[in-house]
Amino acid sequence: MGVSLKDIAHRAGVSLATVSNVVNGYRPVGEQTRRRVQQAIDELGYTPNLSARHLRRGRTGLIALAIPELNNPYFAELADAAIREAAGLGYTLVMESTAADRETELMLLGSRRHIIDGLILSPVRVTREDVLARTDTTPLVLIGEGVYDVPHDHIAIDNVAAARTAVRHLLDLGRRRIAFIGSGNGQDRQSAHLRLRGYREALAGAGLAVQPRLVAPTDQFGRRDGLSAMSQLLALDEPPDAVFGYNDLVAIGAMRAVREAGRRIPDDIAVVGIDDIEEGRFSHPGLTSVSPDKEHIGRLAVRRLVALIEGQPLAPPADLDLPFHLVVRGSTIGGRPSVAG
């Protein structure tokens, strides 16, 4: 037989209601009493039945994290933090891959009350109007880019400012023919356009005109895309002396092309990305990158969602821009890594 709340109450010398309040967090309990109950829980080896608890509250205990691609290290690192935070709050997080497909994103925004208690979505194709037209009441938190000005929390970094930071670093190093790899088709508020805007603003701030031939569009944002685009840039009569990649995967692909062309990094061409994924830290040379706090993003998204599910008081929904910093490595200056605010 398993340990019951009644067994804990007997061991701690308190009422069954008090034990229930401690275990379920219903009401404040005095610290001394809480310690006695917790000691009894530890001694008896009590493990709460989370499934039963959720069912009593009319919930499934499941929350979903929907991201564009499962094989992107950025999302993998963010998801790891979200999974751990959910488990700590008594929820199971399930993963969904949208493949950046509009119909899939719309399906996830639709009614799924009988399956999940809440949804964290990283949108790519759905619009602000799609979200505003949503009739499902399942709690929703948005992360990343794609939708703004909606009555839901939206957690991201300021992509324009992040791109400006990356390009200004290259400008400060004396680079002047700076390319951008990763501009693409899509909505103006998607991250590619926001990062392109930051790139342009940084150049304008240095009194430099954008050279269209140095802006390389890509269909996707992976290593192969960076490799292909960089190969084309190297074939120009005047190739770039620095490259800003849409993300670290693009930048790592670009570094491969530079090395295969017999050029030196960073002597001939400096390279910087965004995301600060682990692969970039172990590349050779190490990749300079704008580092968002993926741990914070994942944990905060889960905390905000669980608070909505459990009806806890929250501030009104808002666009929450989280901090970032530039980690300088060998792909731009060589030597040991450093951090720039």
C-alpha atoms as a PDB file:
ATOM      1  CA  MET A   1       0.000   0.000   0.000  1.00  0.00           C
ATOM      2  CA  GLY A   2       1.206   3.478  -0.801  1.00  0.00           C
ATOM      3  CA  VAL A   3       1.615   6.261   1.715  1.00  0.00           C
ATOM      4  CA  SER A   4      -1.545   8.354   2.109  1.00  0.00           C
ATOM      5  CA  LEU A   5      -2.116  11.917   3.259  1.00  0.00           C
ATOM      6  CA  LYS A   6      -3.738  10.414   6.380  1.00  0.00           C
ATOM      7  CA  ASP A   7      -0.470   8.621   7.192  1.00  0.00           C
ATOM      8  CA  ILE A   8       1.420  11.897   6.862  1.00  0.00           C
ATOM      9  CA  ALA A   9      -1.092  13.710   9.071  1.00  0.00           C
ATOM     10  CA  HIS A  10      -0.710  11.044  11.776  1.00  0.00           C
ATOM     11  CA  ARG A  11       3.106  11.175  11.631  1.00  0.00           C
ATOM     12  CA  ALA A  12       3.203  15.014  11.718  1.00  0.00           C
ATOM     13  CA  GLY A  13       0.457  15.355  14.336  1.00  0.00           C
ATOM     14  CA  VAL A  14      -1.656  17.689  12.213  1.00  0.00           C
ATOM     15  CA  SER A  15      -5.017  17.542  10.496  1.00  0.00           C
ATOM     16  CA  LEU A  16      -5.587  15.943   7.124  1.00  0.00           C
ATOM     17  CA  ALA A  17      -6.645  19.370   5.801  1.00  0.00           C
ATOM     18  CA  THR A  18      -3.310  20.858   6.846  1.00  0.00           C
ATOM     19  CA  VAL A  19      -1.389  18.136   5.000  1.00  0.00           C
ATOM     20  CA  SER A  20      -3.554  18.714   1.920  1.00  0.00           C
ATOM     21  CA  ASN A  21      -2.831  22.432   2.054  1.00  0.00           C
ATOM     22  CA  VAL A  22       0.924  21.806   2.223  1.00  0.00           C
ATOM     23  CA  VAL A  23       0.960  19.206  -0.546  1.00  0.00           C
ATOM     24  CA  ASN A  24      -1.345  21.100  -2.887  1.00  0.00           C
ATOM     25  CA  GLY A  25      -0.393  24.641  -1.967  1.00  0.00           C
ATOM     26  CA  TYR A  26      -3.999  25.648  -1.369  1.00  0.00           C
ATOM     27  CA  ARG A  27      -3.591  27.923   1.652  1.00  0.00           C
ATOM     28  CA  PRO A  28      -0.717  29.493   3.556  1.00  0.00           C
ATOM     29  CA  VAL A  29       0.569  27.242   6.341  1.00  0.00           C
ATOM     30  CA  GLY A  30       2.842  28.340   9.179  1.00  0.00           C
ATOM     31  CA  GLU A  31       6.499  27.663   8.521  1.00  0.00           C
ATOM     32  CA  GLN A  32       6.979  25.443  11.584  1.00  0.00           C
ATOM     33  CA  THR A  33       3.933  23.341  10.665  1.00  0.00           C
ATOM     34  CA  ARG A  34       5.036  23.139   7.051  1.00  0.00           C
ATOM     35  CA  ARG A  35       8.449  21.834   8.138  1.00  0.00           C
ATOM     36  CA  ARG A  36       6.823  19.122  10.291  1.00  0.00           C
ATOM     37  CA  VAL A  37       4.641  18.030   7.404  1.00  0.00           C
ATOM     38  CA  GLN A  38       7.563  18.044   4.991  1.00  0.00           C
ATOM     39  CA  GLN A  39       9.648  15.994   7.417  1.00  0.00           C
ATOM     40  CA  ALA A  40       6.846  13.419   7.622  1.00  0.00           C
ATOM     41  CA  ILE A  41       6.617  13.360   3.815  1.00  0.00           C
ATOM     42  CA  ASP A  42      10.359  12.736   3.537  1.00  0.00           C
ATOM     43  CA  GLU A  43      10.399  10.060   6.246  1.00  0.00           C
ATOM     44  CA  LEU A  44       7.471   8.151   4.770  1.00  0.00           C
ATOM     45  CA  GLY A  45       8.664   8.548   1.179  1.00  0.00           C
ATOM     46  CA  TYR A  46       5.378  10.029  -0.016  1.00  0.00           C
ATOM     47  CA  THR A  47       5.116  10.731  -3.756  1.00  0.00           C
ATOM     48  CA  PRO A  48       2.092  12.774  -4.872  1.00  0.00           C
ATOM     49  CA  ASN A  49      -0.145  11.342  -7.586  1.00  0.00           C
ATOM     50  CA  LEU A  50       0.079  14.266  -9.990  1.00  0.00           C
ATOM     51  CA  SER A  51      -2.278  12.700 -12.525  1.00  0.00           C
ATOM     52  CA  ALA A  52      -5.016  12.322  -9.927  1.00  0.00           C
ATOM     53  CA  ARG A  53      -4.435  15.850  -8.686  1.00  0.00           C
ATOM     54  CA  HIS A  54      -4.778  17.319 -12.173  1.00  0.00           C
ATOM     55  CA  LEU A  55      -7.879  15.246 -12.896  1.00  0.00           C
ATOM     56  CA  ARG A  56      -9.531  16.490  -9.707  1.00  0.00           C
ATOM     57  CA  ARG A  57      -8.983  20.007 -10.993  1.00  0.00           C
ATOM     58  CA  GLY A  58     -10.338  19.196 -14.452  1.00  0.00           C
ATOM     59  CA  ARG A  59      -6.920  19.237 -16.107  1.00  0.00           C
ATOM     60  CA  THR A  60      -4.668  16.791 -17.908  1.00  0.00           C
ATOM     61  CA  GLY A  61      -1.344  17.917 -16.423  1.00  0.00           C
ATOM     62  CA  LEU A  62       0.031  18.318 -19.957  1.00  0.00           C
ATOM     63  CA  ILE A  63       1.346  21.484 -21.568  1.00  0.00           C
ATOM     64  CA  ALA A  64       2.696  21.722 -25.106  1.00  0.00           C
ATOM     65  CA  LEU A  65       5.726  23.520 -26.516  1.00  0.00           C
ATOM     66  CA  ALA A  66       5.369  24.013 -30.282  1.00  0.00           C
ATOM     67  CA  ILE A  67       8.542  25.047 -32.132  1.00  0.00           C
ATOM     68  CA  PRO A  68       9.407  25.350 -35.840  1.00  0.00           C
ATOM     69  CA  GLU A  69      12.063  22.621 -35.873  1.00  0.00           C
ATOM     70  CA  LEU A  70      13.223  19.981 -33.425  1.00  0.00           C
ATOM     71  CA  ASN A  71      16.740  19.638 -34.865  1.00  0.00           C
ATOM     72  CA  ASN A  72      17.738  23.256 -34.306  1.00  0.00           C
ATOM     73  CA  PRO A  73      20.119  23.385 -31.295  1.00  0.00           C
ATOM     74  CA  TYR A  74      18.686  26.737 -30.179  1.00  0.00           C
ATOM     75  CA  PHE A  75      15.230  25.256 -29.717  1.00  0.00           C
ATOM     76  CA  ALA A  76      16.653  22.083 -28.197  1.00  0.00           C
ATOM     77  CA  GLU A  77      18.465  24.079 -25.507  1.00  0.00           C
ATOM     78  CA  LEU A  78      15.401  26.231 -24.834  1.00  0.00           C
ATOM     79  CA  ALA A  79      13.145  23.151 -24.668  1.00  0.00           C
ATOM     80  CA  ASP A  80      15.439  21.484 -22.148  1.00  0.00           C
ATOM     81  CA  ALA A  81      14.961  24.412 -19.759  1.00  0.00           C
ATOM     82  CA  ALA A  82      11.195  24.398 -20.331  1.00  0.00           C
ATOM     83  CA  ILE A  83      10.906  20.657 -19.663  1.00  0.00           C
ATOM     84  CA  ARG A  84      12.782  20.956 -16.375  1.00  0.00           C
ATOM     85  CA  GLU A  85      10.694  23.940 -15.256  1.00  0.00           C
ATOM     86  CA  ALA A  86       7.434  22.169 -16.121  1.00  0.00           C
ATOM     87  CA  ALA A  87       8.445  19.066 -14.173  1.00  0.00           C
ATOM     88  CA  GLY A  88       9.283  21.201 -11.156  1.00  0.00           C
ATOM     89  CA  LEU A  89       5.791  22.687 -11.268  1.00  0.00           C
ATOM     90  CA  GLY A  90       4.093  19.299 -11.558  1.00  0.00           C
ATOM     91  CA  TYR A  91       3.387  19.337 -15.297  1.00  0.00           C
ATOM     92  CA  THR A  92       4.522  17.198 -18.210  1.00  0.00           C
ATOM     93  CA  LEU A  93       5.693  19.108 -21.270  1.00  0.00           C
ATOM     94  CA  VAL A  94       5.100  17.558 -24.689  1.00  0.00           C
ATOM     95  CA  MET A  95       6.888  18.722 -27.822  1.00  0.00           C
ATOM     96  CA  GLU A  96       5.279  19.644 -31.135  1.00  0.00           C
ATOM     97  CA  SER A  97       7.122  20.477 -34.366  1.00  0.00           C
ATOM     98  CA  THR A  98       5.276  22.871 -36.672  1.00  0.00           C
ATOM     99  CA  ALA A  99       7.897  22.758 -39.458  1.00  0.00           C
ATOM    100  CA  ALA A 100       7.042  26.477 -39.851  1.00  0.00           C
ATOM    101  CA  ASP A 101       3.801  25.373 -41.514  1.00  0.00           C
ATOM    102  CA  ARG A 102       0.875  27.781 -41.311  1.00  0.00           C
ATOM    103  CA  GLU A 103      -1.827  25.100 -41.191  1.00  0.00           C
ATOM    104  CA  THR A 104      -0.075  23.310 -38.357  1.00  0.00           C
ATOM    105  CA  GLU A 105       0.272  26.519 -36.385  1.00  0.00           C
ATOM    106  CA  LEU A 106      -3.415  27.309 -36.937  1.00  0.00           C
ATOM    107  CA  MET A 107      -4.367  23.810 -35.815  1.00  0.00           C
ATOM    108  CA  LEU A 108      -2.403  24.258 -32.613  1.00  0.00           C
ATOM    109  CA  LEU A 109      -4.118  27.584 -31.967  1.00  0.00           C
ATOM    110  CA  GLY A 110      -7.496  25.853 -32.355  1.00  0.00           C
ATOM    111  CA  SER A 111      -9.423  23.913 -29.754  1.00  0.00           C
ATOM    112  CA  ARG A 112      -7.314  21.333 -27.922  1.00  0.00           C
ATOM    113  CA  ARG A 113      -8.766  21.729 -24.437  1.00  0.00           C
ATOM    114  CA  HIS A 114      -9.291  17.989 -24.030  1.00  0.00           C
ATOM    115  CA  ILE A 115      -5.613  17.245 -24.722  1.00  0.00           C
ATOM    116  CA  ILE A 116      -3.495  19.978 -23.108  1.00  0.00           C
ATOM    117  CA  ASP A 117      -3.899  22.521 -20.346  1.00  0.00           C
ATOM    118  CA  GLY A 118      -1.861  25.202 -22.112  1.00  0.00           C
ATOM    119  CA  LEU A 119       0.312  25.983 -25.128  1.00  0.00           C
ATOM    120  CA  ILE A 120       3.663  27.704 -25.648  1.00  0.00           C
ATOM    121  CA  LEU A 121       3.997  28.550 -29.341  1.00  0.00           C
ATOM    122  CA  SER A 122       6.931  29.876 -31.361  1.00  0.00           C
ATOM    123  CA  PRO A 123       5.031  31.197 -34.391  1.00  0.00           C
ATOM    124  CA  VAL A 124       6.438  31.660 -37.866  1.00  0.00           C
ATOM    125  CA  ARG A 125       3.503  31.820 -40.293  1.00  0.00           C
ATOM    126  CA  VAL A 126       0.413  32.786 -38.316  1.00  0.00           C
ATOM    127  CA  THR A 127      -0.449  36.471 -38.235  1.00  0.00           C
ATOM    128  CA  ARG A 128      -1.602  38.850 -35.550  1.00  0.00           C
ATOM    129  CA  GLU A 129      -5.090  38.628 -37.081  1.00  0.00           C
ATOM    130  CA  ASP A 130      -5.020  34.819 -36.756  1.00  0.00           C
ATOM    131  CA  VAL A 131      -4.277  35.065 -33.051  1.00  0.00           C
ATOM    132  CA  LEU A 132      -6.884  37.776 -32.472  1.00  0.00           C
ATOM    133  CA  ALA A 133      -9.491  35.599 -34.231  1.00  0.00           C
ATOM    134  CA  ARG A 134      -8.762  32.676 -31.902  1.00  0.00           C
ATOM    135  CA  THR A 135     -11.832  31.480 -29.992  1.00  0.00           C
ATOM    136  CA  ASP A 136     -10.196  28.705 -27.974  1.00  0.00           C
ATOM    137  CA  THR A 137      -9.662  29.642 -24.332  1.00  0.00           C
ATOM    138  CA  THR A 138      -6.734  27.303 -23.686  1.00  0.00           C
ATOM    139  CA  PRO A 139      -4.003  29.445 -22.052  1.00  0.00           C
ATOM    140  CA  LEU A 140      -1.376  30.593 -24.559  1.00  0.00           C
ATOM    141  CA  VAL A 141       2.113  32.082 -24.290  1.00  0.00           C
ATOM    142  CA  LEU A 142       4.097  33.129 -27.381  1.00  0.00           C
ATOM    143  CA  ILE A 143       7.870  32.969 -27.679  1.00  0.00           C
ATOM    144  CA  GLY A 144      10.230  34.090 -30.419  1.00  0.00           C
ATOM    145  CA  GLU A 145       9.095  36.181 -33.342  1.00  0.00           C
ATOM    146  CA  GLY A 146       6.110  36.441 -35.652  1.00  0.00           C
ATOM    147  CA  VAL A 147       3.198  37.961 -33.723  1.00  0.00           C
ATOM    148  CA  TYR A 148       2.955  41.158 -31.709  1.00  0.00           C
ATOM    149  CA  ASP A 149       0.270  43.338 -30.107  1.00  0.00           C
ATOM    150  CA  VAL A 150      -2.024  40.498 -29.040  1.00  0.00           C
ATOM    151  CA  PRO A 151      -3.608  39.799 -25.624  1.00  0.00           C
ATOM    152  CA  HIS A 152      -1.060  37.122 -24.741  1.00  0.00           C
ATOM    153  CA  ASP A 153       2.405  37.155 -23.197  1.00  0.00           C
ATOM    154  CA  HIS A 154       5.103  37.280 -25.861  1.00  0.00           C
ATOM    155  CA  ILE A 155       8.646  36.460 -24.723  1.00  0.00           C
ATOM    156  CA  ALA A 156      11.606  37.229 -26.990  1.00  0.00           C
ATOM    157  CA  ILE A 157      14.749  39.288 -27.378  1.00  0.00           C
ATOM    158  CA  ASP A 158      14.848  42.586 -29.257  1.00  0.00           C
ATOM    159  CA  ASN A 159      16.056  41.274 -32.614  1.00  0.00           C
ATOM    160  CA  VAL A 160      16.789  44.694 -34.079  1.00  0.00           C
ATOM    161  CA  ALA A 161      18.982  45.624 -31.109  1.00  0.00           C
ATOM    162  CA  ALA A 162      20.674  42.198 -31.149  1.00  0.00           C
ATOM    163  CA  ALA A 163      21.591  42.583 -34.822  1.00  0.00           C
ATOM    164  CA  ARG A 164      22.868  46.130 -34.249  1.00  0.00           C
ATOM    165  CA  THR A 165      25.079  44.800 -31.442  1.00  0.00           C
ATOM    166  CA  ALA A 166      26.561  42.103 -33.691  1.00  0.00           C
ATOM    167  CA  VAL A 167      27.276  44.451 -36.600  1.00  0.00           C
ATOM    168  CA  ARG A 168      28.623  47.257 -34.410  1.00  0.00           C
ATOM    169  CA  HIS A 169      31.133  44.785 -33.000  1.00  0.00           C
ATOM    170  CA  LEU A 170      32.374  44.123 -36.529  1.00  0.00           C
ATOM    171  CA  LEU A 171      32.458  47.840 -37.296  1.00  0.00           C
ATOM    172  CA  ASP A 172      34.444  48.494 -34.125  1.00  0.00           C
ATOM    173  CA  LEU A 173      37.019  46.016 -35.404  1.00  0.00           C
ATOM    174  CA  GLY A 174      37.456  48.131 -38.541  1.00  0.00           C
ATOM    175  CA  ARG A 175      35.445  45.902 -40.884  1.00  0.00           C
ATOM    176  CA  ARG A 176      33.601  47.808 -43.616  1.00  0.00           C
ATOM    177  CA  ARG A 177      32.418  45.271 -46.205  1.00  0.00           C
ATOM    178  CA  ILE A 178      30.043  43.464 -43.880  1.00  0.00           C
ATOM    179  CA  ALA A 179      27.670  40.911 -45.384  1.00  0.00           C
ATOM    180  CA  PHE A 180      24.392  39.660 -43.947  1.00  0.00           C
ATOM    181  CA  ILE A 181      23.419  36.057 -44.633  1.00  0.00           C
ATOM    182  CA  GLY A 182      19.847  35.027 -43.901  1.00  0.00           C
ATOM    183  CA  SER A 183      17.492  37.684 -45.208  1.00  0.00           C
ATOM    184  CA  GLY A 184      14.395  35.956 -46.527  1.00  0.00           C
ATOM    185  CA  ASN A 185      10.846  36.319 -47.699  1.00  0.00           C
ATOM    186  CA  GLY A 186       8.082  36.702 -45.142  1.00  0.00           C
ATOM    187  CA  GLN A 187       6.306  39.107 -42.852  1.00  0.00           C
ATOM    188  CA  ASP A 188       8.007  42.331 -41.838  1.00  0.00           C
ATOM    189  CA  ARG A 189       7.991  41.359 -38.195  1.00  0.00           C
ATOM    190  CA  GLN A 190       9.626  37.997 -38.616  1.00  0.00           C
ATOM    191  CA  SER A 191      13.082  37.666 -37.166  1.00  0.00           C
ATOM    192  CA  ALA A 192      14.917  37.688 -40.519  1.00  0.00           C
ATOM    193  CA  HIS A 193      13.476  41.095 -41.340  1.00  0.00           C
ATOM    194  CA  LEU A 194      14.076  42.417 -37.861  1.00  0.00           C
ATOM    195  CA  ARG A 195      17.712  41.313 -37.951  1.00  0.00           C
ATOM    196  CA  LEU A 196      18.142  42.753 -41.442  1.00  0.00           C
ATOM    197  CA  ARG A 197      16.765  46.027 -40.114  1.00  0.00           C
ATOM    198  CA  GLY A 198      19.286  46.020 -37.255  1.00  0.00           C
ATOM    199  CA  TYR A 199      22.084  45.301 -39.756  1.00  0.00           C
ATOM    200  CA  ARG A 200      21.033  48.274 -41.870  1.00  0.00           C
ATOM    201  CA  GLU A 201      20.716  50.568 -38.856  1.00  0.00           C
ATOM    202  CA  ALA A 202      24.206  49.680 -37.637  1.00  0.00           C
ATOM    203  CA  LEU A 203      25.728  50.412 -41.051  1.00  0.00           C
ATOM    204  CA  ALA A 204      23.813  53.677 -41.330  1.00  0.00           C
ATOM    205  CA  GLY A 205      25.026  54.679 -37.890  1.00  0.00           C
ATOM    206  CA  ALA A 206      28.592  54.232 -39.138  1.00  0.00           C
ATOM    207  CA  GLY A 207      27.889  56.305 -42.252  1.00  0.00           C
ATOM    208  CA  LEU A 208      27.972  53.272 -44.558  1.00  0.00           C
ATOM    209  CA  ALA A 209      25.478  52.458 -47.283  1.00  0.00           C
ATOM    210  CA  VAL A 210      24.008  48.979 -47.538  1.00  0.00           C
ATOM    211  CA  GLN A 211      25.454  47.161 -50.535  1.00  0.00           C
ATOM    212  CA  PRO A 212      22.692  44.920 -51.924  1.00  0.00           C
ATOM    213  CA  ARG A 213      25.219  42.375 -53.226  1.00  0.00           C
ATOM    214  CA  LEU A 214      26.347  41.786 -49.637  1.00  0.00           C
ATOM    215  CA  VAL A 215      22.830  40.898 -48.449  1.00  0.00           C
ATOM    216  CA  ALA A 216      22.409  37.184 -49.167  1.00  0.00           C
ATOM    217  CA  PRO A 217      18.902  35.687 -48.884  1.00  0.00           C
ATOM    218  CA  THR A 218      18.432  32.060 -47.857  1.00  0.00           C
ATOM    219  CA  ASP A 219      15.435  29.753 -48.110  1.00  0.00           C
ATOM    220  CA  GLN A 220      16.136  28.220 -44.706  1.00  0.00           C
ATOM    221  CA  PHE A 221      18.476  29.011 -41.835  1.00  0.00           C
ATOM    222  CA  GLY A 222      20.758  25.995 -41.518  1.00  0.00           C
ATOM    223  CA  ARG A 223      24.422  25.174 -42.041  1.00  0.00           C
ATOM    224  CA  ARG A 224      23.999  24.316 -45.736  1.00  0.00           C
ATOM    225  CA  ASP A 225      22.286  27.660 -46.341  1.00  0.00           C
ATOM    226  CA  GLY A 226      25.182  29.518 -44.758  1.00  0.00           C
ATOM    227  CA  LEU A 227      27.703  27.470 -46.735  1.00  0.00           C
ATOM    228  CA  SER A 228      25.971  28.121 -50.073  1.00  0.00           C
ATOM    229  CA  ALA A 229      25.418  31.839 -49.482  1.00  0.00           C
ATOM    230  CA  MET A 230      28.985  32.380 -48.272  1.00  0.00           C
ATOM    231  CA  SER A 231      30.368  30.594 -51.343  1.00  0.00           C
ATOM    232  CA  GLN A 232      28.505  33.049 -53.547  1.00  0.00           C
ATOM    233  CA  LEU A 233      29.747  36.023 -51.548  1.00  0.00           C
ATOM    234  CA  LEU A 234      33.340  34.801 -51.859  1.00  0.00           C
ATOM    235  CA  ALA A 235      32.950  34.720 -55.658  1.00  0.00           C
ATOM    236  CA  LEU A 236      32.287  38.486 -55.781  1.00  0.00           C
ATOM    237  CA  ASP A 237      34.940  40.766 -57.245  1.00  0.00           C
ATOM    238  CA  GLU A 238      35.100  42.410 -53.820  1.00  0.00           C
ATOM    239  CA  PRO A 239      34.132  39.776 -51.237  1.00  0.00           C
ATOM    240  CA  PRO A 240      33.168  40.798 -47.707  1.00  0.00           C
ATOM    241  CA  ASP A 241      35.672  41.230 -44.923  1.00  0.00           C
ATOM    242  CA  ALA A 242      33.076  40.246 -42.313  1.00  0.00           C
ATOM    243  CA  VAL A 243      29.818  38.318 -42.141  1.00  0.00           C
ATOM    244  CA  PHE A 244      26.833  38.549 -39.830  1.00  0.00           C
ATOM    245  CA  GLY A 245      24.796  35.326 -39.922  1.00  0.00           C
ATOM    246  CA  TYR A 246      21.056  35.242 -39.209  1.00  0.00           C
ATOM    247  CA  ASN A 247      21.806  32.602 -36.597  1.00  0.00           C
ATOM    248  CA  ASP A 248      24.707  30.453 -35.432  1.00  0.00           C
ATOM    249  CA  LEU A 249      23.908  27.606 -37.820  1.00  0.00           C
ATOM    250  CA  VAL A 250      24.118  29.964 -40.797  1.00  0.00           C
ATOM    251  CA  ALA A 251      27.337  31.453 -39.414  1.00  0.00           C
ATOM    252  CA  ILE A 252      28.899  28.015 -38.883  1.00  0.00           C
ATOM    253  CA  GLY A 253      28.062  27.094 -42.471  1.00  0.00           C
ATOM    254  CA  ALA A 254      29.640  30.346 -43.632  1.00  0.00           C
ATOM    255  CA  MET A 255      32.810  29.564 -41.673  1.00  0.00           C
ATOM    256  CA  ARG A 256      33.067  26.225 -43.466  1.00  0.00           C
ATOM    257  CA  ALA A 257      32.912  27.993 -46.845  1.00  0.00           C
ATOM    258  CA  VAL A 258      35.584  30.486 -45.795  1.00  0.00           C
ATOM    259  CA  ARG A 259      37.954  27.715 -44.716  1.00  0.00           C
ATOM    260  CA  GLU A 260      37.329  25.681 -47.879  1.00  0.00           C
ATOM    261  CA  ALA A 261      38.207  28.760 -49.947  1.00  0.00           C
ATOM    262  CA  GLY A 262      41.578  28.972 -48.204  1.00  0.00           C
ATOM    263  CA  ARG A 263      40.689  32.169 -46.323  1.00  0.00           C
ATOM    264  CA  ARG A 264      41.545  32.773 -42.685  1.00  0.00           C
ATOM    265  CA  ILE A 265      39.076  33.487 -39.847  1.00  0.00           C
ATOM    266  CA  PRO A 266      39.147  36.159 -38.533  1.00  0.00           C
ATOM    267  CA  ASP A 267      42.177  37.611 -40.365  1.00  0.00           C
ATOM    268  CA  ASP A 268      40.548  37.703 -43.791  1.00  0.00           C
ATOM    269  CA  ILE A 269      36.888  37.422 -42.816  1.00  0.00           C
ATOM    270  CA  ALA A 270      35.353  37.845 -39.358  1.00  0.00           C
ATOM    271  CA  VAL A 271      32.128  35.967 -38.578  1.00  0.00           C
ATOM    272  CA  VAL A 272      29.416  36.558 -35.971  1.00  0.00           C
ATOM    273  CA  GLY A 273      26.062  34.861 -35.349  1.00  0.00           C
ATOM    274  CA  ILE A 274      23.093  34.884 -32.979  1.00  0.00           C
ATOM    275  CA  ASP A 275      21.943  32.191 -30.507  1.00  0.00           C
ATOM    276  CA  ASP A 276      25.195  31.145 -28.760  1.00  0.00           C
ATOM    277  CA  ILE A 277      24.517  27.438 -29.292  1.00  0.00           C
ATOM    278  CA  GLU A 278      26.919  24.889 -27.845  1.00  0.00           C
ATOM    279  CA  GLU A 279      28.201  23.896 -31.292  1.00  0.00           C
ATOM    280  CA  GLY A 280      29.488  27.431 -31.834  1.00  0.00           C
ATOM    281  CA  ARG A 281      31.388  27.337 -28.569  1.00  0.00           C
ATOM    282  CA  PHE A 282      33.279  24.251 -29.759  1.00  0.00           C
ATOM    283  CA  SER A 283      33.819  25.266 -33.390  1.00  0.00           C
ATOM    284  CA  HIS A 284      37.316  26.244 -34.528  1.00  0.00           C
ATOM    285  CA  PRO A 285      37.718  29.083 -34.091  1.00  0.00           C
ATOM    286  CA  GLY A 286      34.993  29.581 -31.534  1.00  0.00           C
ATOM    287  CA  LEU A 287      32.053  31.560 -32.911  1.00  0.00           C
ATOM    288  CA  THR A 288      31.358  35.079 -31.666  1.00  0.00           C
ATOM    289  CA  SER A 289      27.627  35.225 -31.028  1.00  0.00           C
ATOM    290  CA  VAL A 290      24.810  37.266 -29.542  1.00  0.00           C
ATOM    291  CA  SER A 291      23.628  35.173 -26.619  1.00  0.00           C
ATOM    292  CA  PRO A 292      19.966  35.247 -25.589  1.00  0.00           C
ATOM    293  CA  ASP A 293      19.170  33.743 -22.195  1.00  0.00           C
ATOM    294  CA  LYS A 294      17.570  30.529 -23.495  1.00  0.00           C
ATOM    295  CA  GLU A 295      17.287  29.146 -19.971  1.00  0.00           C
ATOM    296  CA  HIS A 296      15.366  32.222 -18.846  1.00  0.00           C
ATOM    297  CA  ILE A 297      13.112  32.234 -21.908  1.00  0.00           C
ATOM    298  CA  GLY A 298      12.159  28.574 -21.471  1.00  0.00           C
ATOM    299  CA  ARG A 299      11.577  28.781 -17.737  1.00  0.00           C
ATOM    300  CA  LEU A 300       9.690  32.081 -17.855  1.00  0.00           C
ATOM    301  CA  ALA A 301       7.376  30.853 -20.614  1.00  0.00           C
ATOM    302  CA  VAL A 302       6.433  27.806 -18.531  1.00  0.00           C
ATOM    303  CA  ARG A 303       5.959  29.815 -15.340  1.00  0.00           C
ATOM    304  CA  ARG A 304       3.701  32.330 -17.069  1.00  0.00           C
ATOM    305  CA  LEU A 305       1.681  29.566 -18.704  1.00  0.00           C
ATOM    306  CA  VAL A 306       1.215  27.563 -15.491  1.00  0.00           C
ATOM    307  CA  ALA A 307       0.149  30.737 -13.686  1.00  0.00           C
ATOM    308  CA  LEU A 308      -2.535  31.245 -16.342  1.00  0.00           C
ATOM    309  CA  ILE A 309      -3.661  27.621 -16.085  1.00  0.00           C
ATOM    310  CA  GLU A 310      -3.953  27.798 -12.303  1.00  0.00           C
ATOM    311  CA  GLY A 311      -5.633  31.173 -12.254  1.00  0.00           C
ATOM    312  CA  GLN A 312      -2.876  32.957 -10.388  1.00  0.00           C
ATOM    313  CA  PRO A 313      -2.936  36.761 -10.522  1.00  0.00           C
ATOM    314  CA  LEU A 314      -0.697  38.135 -13.252  1.00  0.00           C
ATOM    315  CA  ALA A 315       0.116  41.500 -14.718  1.00  0.00           C
ATOM    316  CA  PRO A 316      -1.665  42.187 -18.031  1.00  0.00           C
ATOM    317  CA  PRO A 317      -0.189  40.305 -21.027  1.00  0.00           C
ATOM    318  CA  ALA A 318       2.839  42.046 -22.441  1.00  0.00           C
ATOM    319  CA  ASP A 319       5.696  41.833 -24.921  1.00  0.00           C
ATOM    320  CA  LEU A 320       8.555  40.787 -22.654  1.00  0.00           C
ATOM    321  CA  ASP A 321      11.957  41.633 -24.183  1.00  0.00           C
ATOM    322  CA  LEU A 322      14.604  39.650 -22.336  1.00  0.00           C
ATOM    323  CA  PRO A 323      18.247  40.714 -22.123  1.00  0.00           C
ATOM    324  CA  PHE A 324      21.043  39.432 -24.335  1.00  0.00           C
ATOM    325  CA  HIS A 325      24.800  39.904 -24.495  1.00  0.00           C
ATOM    326  CA  LEU A 326      27.590  39.487 -27.021  1.00  0.00           C
ATOM    327  CA  VAL A 327      30.065  36.673 -26.401  1.00  0.00           C
ATOM    328  CA  VAL A 328      33.291  37.460 -28.269  1.00  0.00           C
ATOM    329  CA  ARG A 329      35.324  34.488 -29.479  1.00  0.00           C
ATOM    330  CA  GLY A 330      37.988  33.670 -32.036  1.00  0.00           C
ATOM    331  CA  SER A 331      35.844  34.121 -35.139  1.00  0.00           C
ATOM    332  CA  THR A 332      36.137  37.895 -34.761  1.00  0.00           C
ATOM    333  CA  ILE A 333      39.182  38.695 -32.645  1.00  0.00           C
ATOM    334  CA  GLY A 334      40.922  35.432 -31.739  1.00  0.00           C
ATOM    335  CA  GLY A 335      42.155  34.701 -28.243  1.00  0.00           C
ATOM    336  CA  ARG A 336      40.047  33.828 -25.227  1.00  0.00           C
ATOM    337  CA  PRO A 337      36.256  34.387 -25.049  1.00  0.00           C
ATOM    338  CA  SER A 338      34.953  37.594 -23.516  1.00  0.00           C
ATOM    339  CA  VAL A 339      31.527  39.026 -22.853  1.00  0.00           C
ATOM    340  CA  ALA A 340      30.324  42.427 -24.019  1.00  0.00           C
ATOM    341  CA  GLY A 341      27.164  43.889 -22.553  1.00  0.00           C
END
